[in-house]
PDB file of N, CA and C in Angstrom:
ATOM      1  N   MET A   1       1.561  -0.959  28.664  1.00  0.00           N
ATOM      2  CA  MET A   1       1.942  -1.805  27.575  1.00  0.00           C
ATOM      3  C   MET A   1       3.117  -1.181  26.880  1.00  0.00           C
ATOM      4  N   TRP A   2       4.090  -2.024  26.528  1.00  0.00           N
ATOM      5  CA  TRP A   2       5.325  -1.537  25.936  1.00  0.00           C
ATOM      6  C   TRP A   2       5.096  -1.119  24.493  1.00  0.00           C
ATOM      7  N   ASN A   3       5.724  -0.056  24.067  1.00  0.00           N
ATOM      8  CA  ASN A   3       5.579   0.431  22.708  1.00  0.00           C
ATOM      9  C   ASN A   3       6.695  -0.101  21.849  1.00  0.00           C
ATOM     10  N   TYR A   4       6.365  -1.042  20.927  1.00  0.00           N
ATOM     11  CA  TYR A   4       7.342  -1.691  20.139  1.00  0.00           C
ATOM     12  C   TYR A   4       8.065  -0.787  19.171  1.00  0.00           C
ATOM     13  N   GLN A   5       7.402   0.330  18.785  1.00  0.00           N
ATOM     14  CA  GLN A   5       8.029   1.248  17.897  1.00  0.00           C
ATOM     15  C   GLN A   5       9.329   1.863  18.519  1.00  0.00           C
ATOM     16  N   TRP A   6       9.229   2.152  19.792  1.00  0.00           N
ATOM     17  CA  TRP A   6      10.462   2.651  20.462  1.00  0.00           C
ATOM     18  C   TRP A   6      11.534   1.586  20.591  1.00  0.00           C
ATOM     19  N   THR A   7      11.144   0.351  20.737  1.00  0.00           N
ATOM     20  CA  THR A   7      12.147  -0.720  20.793  1.00  0.00           C
ATOM     21  C   THR A   7      12.883  -0.778  19.523  1.00  0.00           C
ATOM     22  N   VAL A   8      12.150  -0.720  18.402  1.00  0.00           N
ATOM     23  CA  VAL A   8      12.818  -0.783  17.079  1.00  0.00           C
ATOM     24  C   VAL A   8      13.712   0.477  16.966  1.00  0.00           C
ATOM     25  N   GLY A   9      13.310   1.613  17.372  1.00  0.00           N
ATOM     26  CA  GLY A   9      14.075   2.802  17.285  1.00  0.00           C
ATOM     27  C   GLY A   9      15.368   2.712  18.058  1.00  0.00           C
ATOM     28  N   VAL A  10      15.271   2.108  19.279  1.00  0.00           N
ATOM     29  CA  VAL A  10      16.455   2.027  20.119  1.00  0.00           C
ATOM     30  C   VAL A  10      17.476   1.061  19.435  1.00  0.00           C
ATOM     31  N   VAL A  11      17.009  -0.043  18.896  1.00  0.00           N
ATOM     32  CA  VAL A  11      17.857  -0.991  18.215  1.00  0.00           C
ATOM     33  C   VAL A  11      18.558  -0.376  17.072  1.00  0.00           C
ATOM     34  N   ILE A  12      17.793   0.354  16.214  1.00  0.00           N
ATOM     35  CA  ILE A  12      18.406   1.030  15.074  1.00  0.00           C
ATOM     36  C   ILE A  12      19.437   2.080  15.561  1.00  0.00           C
ATOM     37  N   LEU A  13      19.069   2.830  16.529  1.00  0.00           N
ATOM     38  CA  LEU A  13      20.049   3.868  17.106  1.00  0.00           C
ATOM     39  C   LEU A  13      21.313   3.143  17.534  1.00  0.00           C
ATOM     40  N   ALA A  14      21.179   2.068  18.308  1.00  0.00           N
ATOM     41  CA  ALA A  14      22.380   1.375  18.856  1.00  0.00           C
ATOM     42  C   ALA A  14      23.249   0.874  17.660  1.00  0.00           C
ATOM     43  N   LYS A  15      22.653   0.388  16.628  1.00  0.00           N
ATOM     44  CA  LYS A  15      23.428  -0.141  15.457  1.00  0.00           C
ATOM     45  C   LYS A  15      24.126   0.991  14.768  1.00  0.00           C
ATOM     46  N   ILE A  16      23.443   2.134  14.532  1.00  0.00           N
ATOM     47  CA  ILE A  16      24.037   3.221  13.890  1.00  0.00           C
ATOM     48  C   ILE A  16      25.242   3.771  14.714  1.00  0.00           C
ATOM     49  N   LEU A  17      25.066   3.896  16.029  1.00  0.00           N
ATOM     50  CA  LEU A  17      26.089   4.422  16.895  1.00  0.00           C
ATOM     51  C   LEU A  17      27.217   3.448  17.013  1.00  0.00           C
ATOM     52  N   GLN A  18      26.979   2.170  16.789  1.00  0.00           N
ATOM     53  CA  GLN A  18      28.056   1.150  16.773  1.00  0.00           C
ATOM     54  C   GLN A  18      28.965   1.369  15.558  1.00  0.00           C
ATOM     55  N   PHE A  19      28.385   1.762  14.421  1.00  0.00           N
ATOM     56  CA  PHE A  19      29.232   1.964  13.280  1.00  0.00           C
ATOM     57  C   PHE A  19      29.743   3.398  13.180  1.00  0.00           C
ATOM     58  N   TYR A  20      29.051   4.333  13.762  1.00  0.00           N
ATOM     59  CA  TYR A  20      29.458   5.719  13.760  1.00  0.00           C
ATOM     60  C   TYR A  20      29.513   6.245  15.265  1.00  0.00           C
ATOM     61  N   PRO A  21      30.547   5.880  16.032  1.00  0.00           N
ATOM     62  CA  PRO A  21      30.493   6.149  17.464  1.00  0.00           C
ATOM     63  C   PRO A  21      30.610   7.675  17.717  1.00  0.00           C
ATOM     64  N   ASN A  22      31.133   8.440  16.728  1.00  0.00           N
ATOM     65  CA  ASN A  22      31.158   9.944  16.988  1.00  0.00           C
ATOM     66  C   ASN A  22      29.961  10.665  16.480  1.00  0.00           C
ATOM     67  N   GLY A  23      28.917   9.986  16.124  1.00  0.00           N
ATOM     68  CA  GLY A  23      27.707  10.604  15.616  1.00  0.00           C
ATOM     69  C   GLY A  23      26.894  11.313  16.750  1.00  0.00           C
ATOM     70  N   ASN A  24      26.158  12.317  16.339  1.00  0.00           N
ATOM     71  CA  ASN A  24      25.377  13.044  17.322  1.00  0.00           C
ATOM     72  C   ASN A  24      24.122  12.228  17.646  1.00  0.00           C
ATOM     73  N   GLU A  25      24.176  11.694  18.881  1.00  0.00           N
ATOM     74  CA  GLU A  25      23.149  10.730  19.319  1.00  0.00           C
ATOM     75  C   GLU A  25      21.737  11.368  19.349  1.00  0.00           C
ATOM     76  N   ILE A  26      21.644  12.615  19.791  1.00  0.00           N
ATOM     77  CA  ILE A  26      20.344  13.270  19.804  1.00  0.00           C
ATOM     78  C   ILE A  26      19.730  13.520  18.477  1.00  0.00           C
ATOM     79  N   LEU A  27      20.632  13.905  17.455  1.00  0.00           N
ATOM     80  CA  LEU A  27      20.212  14.171  16.140  1.00  0.00           C
ATOM     81  C   LEU A  27      19.768  12.852  15.474  1.00  0.00           C
ATOM     82  N   ILE A  28      20.515  11.809  15.611  1.00  0.00           N
ATOM     83  CA  ILE A  28      20.157  10.532  15.055  1.00  0.00           C
ATOM     84  C   ILE A  28      18.871  10.036  15.666  1.00  0.00           C
ATOM     85  N   ALA A  29      18.760  10.048  16.967  1.00  0.00           N
ATOM     86  CA  ALA A  29      17.564   9.624  17.624  1.00  0.00           C
ATOM     87  C   ALA A  29      16.337  10.396  17.183  1.00  0.00           C
ATOM     88  N   SER A  30      16.480  11.707  16.954  1.00  0.00           N
ATOM     89  CA  SER A  30      15.374  12.502  16.526  1.00  0.00           C
ATOM     90  C   SER A  30      14.998  12.122  15.083  1.00  0.00           C
ATOM     91  N   GLY A  31      15.914  11.887  14.203  1.00  0.00           N
ATOM     92  CA  GLY A  31      15.663  11.413  12.847  1.00  0.00           C
ATOM     93  C   GLY A  31      14.923  10.077  12.810  1.00  0.00           C
ATOM     94  N   ILE A  32      15.374   9.178  13.640  1.00  0.00           N
ATOM     95  CA  ILE A  32      14.744   7.874  13.675  1.00  0.00           C
ATOM     96  C   ILE A  32      13.308   7.997  14.220  1.00  0.00           C
ATOM     97  N   SER A  33      13.124   8.742  15.264  1.00  0.00           N
ATOM     98  CA  SER A  33      11.757   8.987  15.781  1.00  0.00           C
ATOM     99  C   SER A  33      10.846   9.600  14.710  1.00  0.00           C
ATOM    100  N   ALA A  34      11.397  10.535  13.932  1.00  0.00           N
ATOM    101  CA  ALA A  34      10.584  11.171  12.901  1.00  0.00           C
ATOM    102  C   ALA A  34      10.163  10.159  11.833  1.00  0.00           C
ATOM    103  N   MET A  35      11.096   9.297  11.470  1.00  0.00           N
ATOM    104  CA  MET A  35      10.808   8.244  10.410  1.00  0.00           C
ATOM    105  C   MET A  35       9.810   7.282  10.949  1.00  0.00           C
ATOM    106  N   ILE A  36       9.866   6.840  12.201  1.00  0.00           N
ATOM    107  CA  ILE A  36       8.920   5.946  12.765  1.00  0.00           C
ATOM    108  C   ILE A  36       7.522   6.605  12.868  1.00  0.00           C
ATOM    109  N   ALA A  37       7.469   7.859  13.240  1.00  0.00           N
ATOM    110  CA  ALA A  37       6.175   8.564  13.333  1.00  0.00           C
ATOM    111  C   ALA A  37       5.617   8.730  11.899  1.00  0.00           C
ATOM    112  N   GLY A  38       6.450   9.033  10.953  1.00  0.00           N
ATOM    113  CA  GLY A  38       5.933   9.147   9.527  1.00  0.00           C
ATOM    114  C   GLY A  38       5.399   7.819   9.039  1.00  0.00           C
ATOM    115  N   ALA A  39       6.097   6.723   9.335  1.00  0.00           N
ATOM    116  CA  ALA A  39       5.567   5.382   8.889  1.00  0.00           C
ATOM    117  C   ALA A  39       4.269   5.054   9.631  1.00  0.00           C
ATOM    118  N   THR A  40       4.220   5.408  10.829  1.00  0.00           N
ATOM    119  CA  THR A  40       2.961   5.156  11.603  1.00  0.00           C
ATOM    120  C   THR A  40       1.756   5.948  11.054  1.00  0.00           C
ATOM    121  N   VAL A  41       1.938   7.180  10.747  1.00  0.00           N
ATOM    122  CA  VAL A  41       0.855   8.022  10.211  1.00  0.00           C
ATOM    123  C   VAL A  41       0.561   7.546   8.780  1.00  0.00           C
ATOM    124  N   GLY A  42       1.543   7.257   7.998  1.00  0.00           N
ATOM    125  CA  GLY A  42       1.320   6.781   6.634  1.00  0.00           C
ATOM    126  C   GLY A  42       0.625   5.447   6.628  1.00  0.00           C
ATOM    127  N   GLY A  43       1.006   4.570   7.480  1.00  0.00           N
ATOM    128  CA  GLY A  43       0.340   3.272   7.547  1.00  0.00           C
ATOM    129  C   GLY A  43      -1.124   3.409   7.987  1.00  0.00           C
ATOM    130  N   LYS A  44      -1.321   4.316   8.941  1.00  0.00           N
ATOM    131  CA  LYS A  44      -2.753   4.537   9.347  1.00  0.00           C
ATOM    132  C   LYS A  44      -3.556   5.093   8.252  1.00  0.00           C
ATOM    133  N   ALA A  45      -3.042   5.989   7.398  1.00  0.00           N
ATOM    134  CA  ALA A  45      -3.744   6.509   6.264  1.00  0.00           C
ATOM    135  C   ALA A  45      -4.089   5.448   5.215  1.00  0.00           C
ATOM    136  N   VAL A  46      -3.104   4.561   4.929  1.00  0.00           N
ATOM    137  CA  VAL A  46      -3.328   3.489   3.992  1.00  0.00           C
ATOM    138  C   VAL A  46      -4.395   2.542   4.579  1.00  0.00           C
ATOM    139  N   GLY A  47      -4.290   2.192   5.807  1.00  0.00           N
ATOM    140  CA  GLY A  47      -5.312   1.297   6.467  1.00  0.00           C
ATOM    141  C   GLY A  47      -6.667   1.917   6.448  1.00  0.00           C
ATOM    142  N   LYS A  48      -6.801   3.214   6.698  1.00  0.00           N
ATOM    143  CA  LYS A  48      -8.099   3.888   6.722  1.00  0.00           C
ATOM    144  C   LYS A  48      -8.696   3.891   5.319  1.00  0.00           C
ATOM    145  N   LYS A  49      -7.847   4.159   4.320  1.00  0.00           N
ATOM    146  CA  LYS A  49      -8.386   4.131   2.937  1.00  0.00           C
ATOM    147  C   LYS A  49      -8.890   2.765   2.597  1.00  0.00           C
ATOM    148  N   PHE A  50      -8.143   1.698   2.964  1.00  0.00           N
ATOM    149  CA  PHE A  50      -8.533   0.357   2.737  1.00  0.00           C
ATOM    150  C   PHE A  50      -9.888   0.031   3.426  1.00  0.00           C
ATOM    151  N   ALA A  51      -9.970   0.440   4.675  1.00  0.00           N
ATOM    152  CA  ALA A  51     -11.181   0.197   5.471  1.00  0.00           C
ATOM    153  C   ALA A  51     -12.414   0.889   4.894  1.00  0.00           C
ATOM    154  N   ILE A  52     -12.240   2.125   4.495  1.00  0.00           N
ATOM    155  CA  ILE A  52     -13.338   2.848   3.875  1.00  0.00           C
ATOM    156  C   ILE A  52     -13.797   2.245   2.517  1.00  0.00           C
ATOM    157  N   THR A  53     -12.821   1.863   1.724  1.00  0.00           N
ATOM    158  CA  THR A  53     -13.128   1.290   0.423  1.00  0.00           C
ATOM    159  C   THR A  53     -13.807  -0.022   0.553  1.00  0.00           C
ATOM    160  N   ASN A  54     -13.376  -0.861   1.514  1.00  0.00           N
ATOM    161  CA  ASN A  54     -13.823  -2.244   1.662  1.00  0.00           C
ATOM    162  C   ASN A  54     -14.722  -2.463   2.870  1.00  0.00           C
ATOM    163  N   SER A  55     -15.391  -1.409   3.375  1.00  0.00           N
ATOM    164  CA  SER A  55     -16.132  -1.489   4.657  1.00  0.00           C
ATOM    165  C   SER A  55     -17.240  -2.574   4.552  1.00  0.00           C
ATOM    166  N   ASN A  56     -17.945  -2.647   3.478  1.00  0.00           N
ATOM    167  CA  ASN A  56     -19.024  -3.616   3.375  1.00  0.00           C
ATOM    168  C   ASN A  56     -18.510  -5.057   3.402  1.00  0.00           C
ATOM    169  N   ASN A  57     -17.442  -5.280   2.719  1.00  0.00           N
ATOM    170  CA  ASN A  57     -16.866  -6.660   2.684  1.00  0.00           C
ATOM    171  C   ASN A  57     -16.294  -7.020   4.022  1.00  0.00           C
ATOM    172  N   ILE A  58     -15.658  -6.074   4.665  1.00  0.00           N
ATOM    173  CA  ILE A  58     -15.079  -6.326   6.018  1.00  0.00           C
ATOM    174  C   ILE A  58     -16.207  -6.670   7.007  1.00  0.00           C
ATOM    175  N   LEU A  59     -17.278  -5.860   6.994  1.00  0.00           N
ATOM    176  CA  LEU A  59     -18.427  -6.031   7.842  1.00  0.00           C
ATOM    177  C   LEU A  59     -19.053  -7.429   7.620  1.00  0.00           C
ATOM    178  N   TYR A  60     -19.202  -7.811   6.365  1.00  0.00           N
ATOM    179  CA  TYR A  60     -19.806  -9.064   5.977  1.00  0.00           C
ATOM    180  C   TYR A  60     -18.959 -10.226   6.514  1.00  0.00           C
ATOM    181  N   ALA A  61     -17.593 -10.146   6.368  1.00  0.00           N
ATOM    182  CA  ALA A  61     -16.677 -11.186   6.835  1.00  0.00           C
ATOM    183  C   ALA A  61     -16.757 -11.358   8.379  1.00  0.00           C
ATOM    184  N   VAL A  62     -16.764 -10.225   9.068  1.00  0.00           N
ATOM    185  CA  VAL A  62     -16.855 -10.203  10.530  1.00  0.00           C
ATOM    186  C   VAL A  62     -18.208 -10.886  10.977  1.00  0.00           C
ATOM    187  N   ALA A  63     -19.287 -10.484  10.260  1.00  0.00           N
ATOM    188  CA  ALA A  63     -20.594 -11.030  10.648  1.00  0.00           C
ATOM    189  C   ALA A  63     -20.640 -12.540  10.389  1.00  0.00           C
ATOM    190  N   LYS A  64     -19.993 -13.007   9.386  1.00  0.00           N
ATOM    191  CA  LYS A  64     -19.951 -14.466   9.142  1.00  0.00           C
ATOM    192  C   LYS A  64     -19.162 -15.225  10.293  1.00  0.00           C
ATOM    193  N   VAL A  65     -18.033 -14.554  10.710  1.00  0.00           N
ATOM    194  CA  VAL A  65     -17.285 -15.144  11.756  1.00  0.00           C
ATOM    195  C   VAL A  65     -18.090 -15.218  13.071  1.00  0.00           C
ATOM    196  N   VAL A  66     -18.731 -14.113  13.374  1.00  0.00           N
ATOM    197  CA  VAL A  66     -19.569 -14.034  14.604  1.00  0.00           C
ATOM    198  C   VAL A  66     -20.723 -15.112  14.531  1.00  0.00           C
ATOM    199  N   TYR A  67     -21.345 -15.243  13.398  1.00  0.00           N
ATOM    200  CA  TYR A  67     -22.346 -16.201  13.129  1.00  0.00           C
ATOM    201  C   TYR A  67     -21.897 -17.598  13.453  1.00  0.00           C
ATOM    202  N   PHE A  68     -20.767 -18.015  12.854  1.00  0.00           N
ATOM    203  CA  PHE A  68     -20.221 -19.342  13.088  1.00  0.00           C
ATOM    204  C   PHE A  68     -19.760 -19.561  14.502  1.00  0.00           C
ATOM    205  N   ILE A  69     -19.298 -18.535  15.200  1.00  0.00           N
ATOM    206  CA  ILE A  69     -18.911 -18.706  16.632  1.00  0.00           C
ATOM    207  C   ILE A  69     -20.186 -18.901  17.449  1.00  0.00           C
ATOM    208  N   LYS A  70     -21.208 -18.064  17.220  1.00  0.00           N
ATOM    209  CA  LYS A  70     -22.430 -18.193  18.026  1.00  0.00           C
ATOM    210  C   LYS A  70     -23.200 -19.507  17.707  1.00  0.00           C
ATOM    211  N   ARG A  71     -23.100 -19.951  16.489  1.00  0.00           N
ATOM    212  CA  ARG A  71     -23.758 -21.146  16.117  1.00  0.00           C
ATOM    213  C   ARG A  71     -23.218 -22.409  16.723  1.00  0.00           C
ATOM    214  N   GLY A  72     -21.910 -22.325  17.011  1.00  0.00           N
ATOM    215  CA  GLY A  72     -21.244 -23.350  17.788  1.00  0.00           C
ATOM    216  C   GLY A  72     -20.790 -24.440  16.907  1.00  0.00           C
TER     217      GLY A  72
END
């Protein structure tokens, strides 16, 4: 399965190098990768906090969906 984060990183890198053709490609690519990794880890932490805080509500909502699907 293709990793969309890398696709976004490649597009950003291409645009930056289009405006700054003499830029250090490896340094810019490393910076973009670090920002994407940071956003991924930060997003996971936010999602985890949300899931822990609202676990009962989430479970109840999923149970209702499963009930209505099984009920037909």
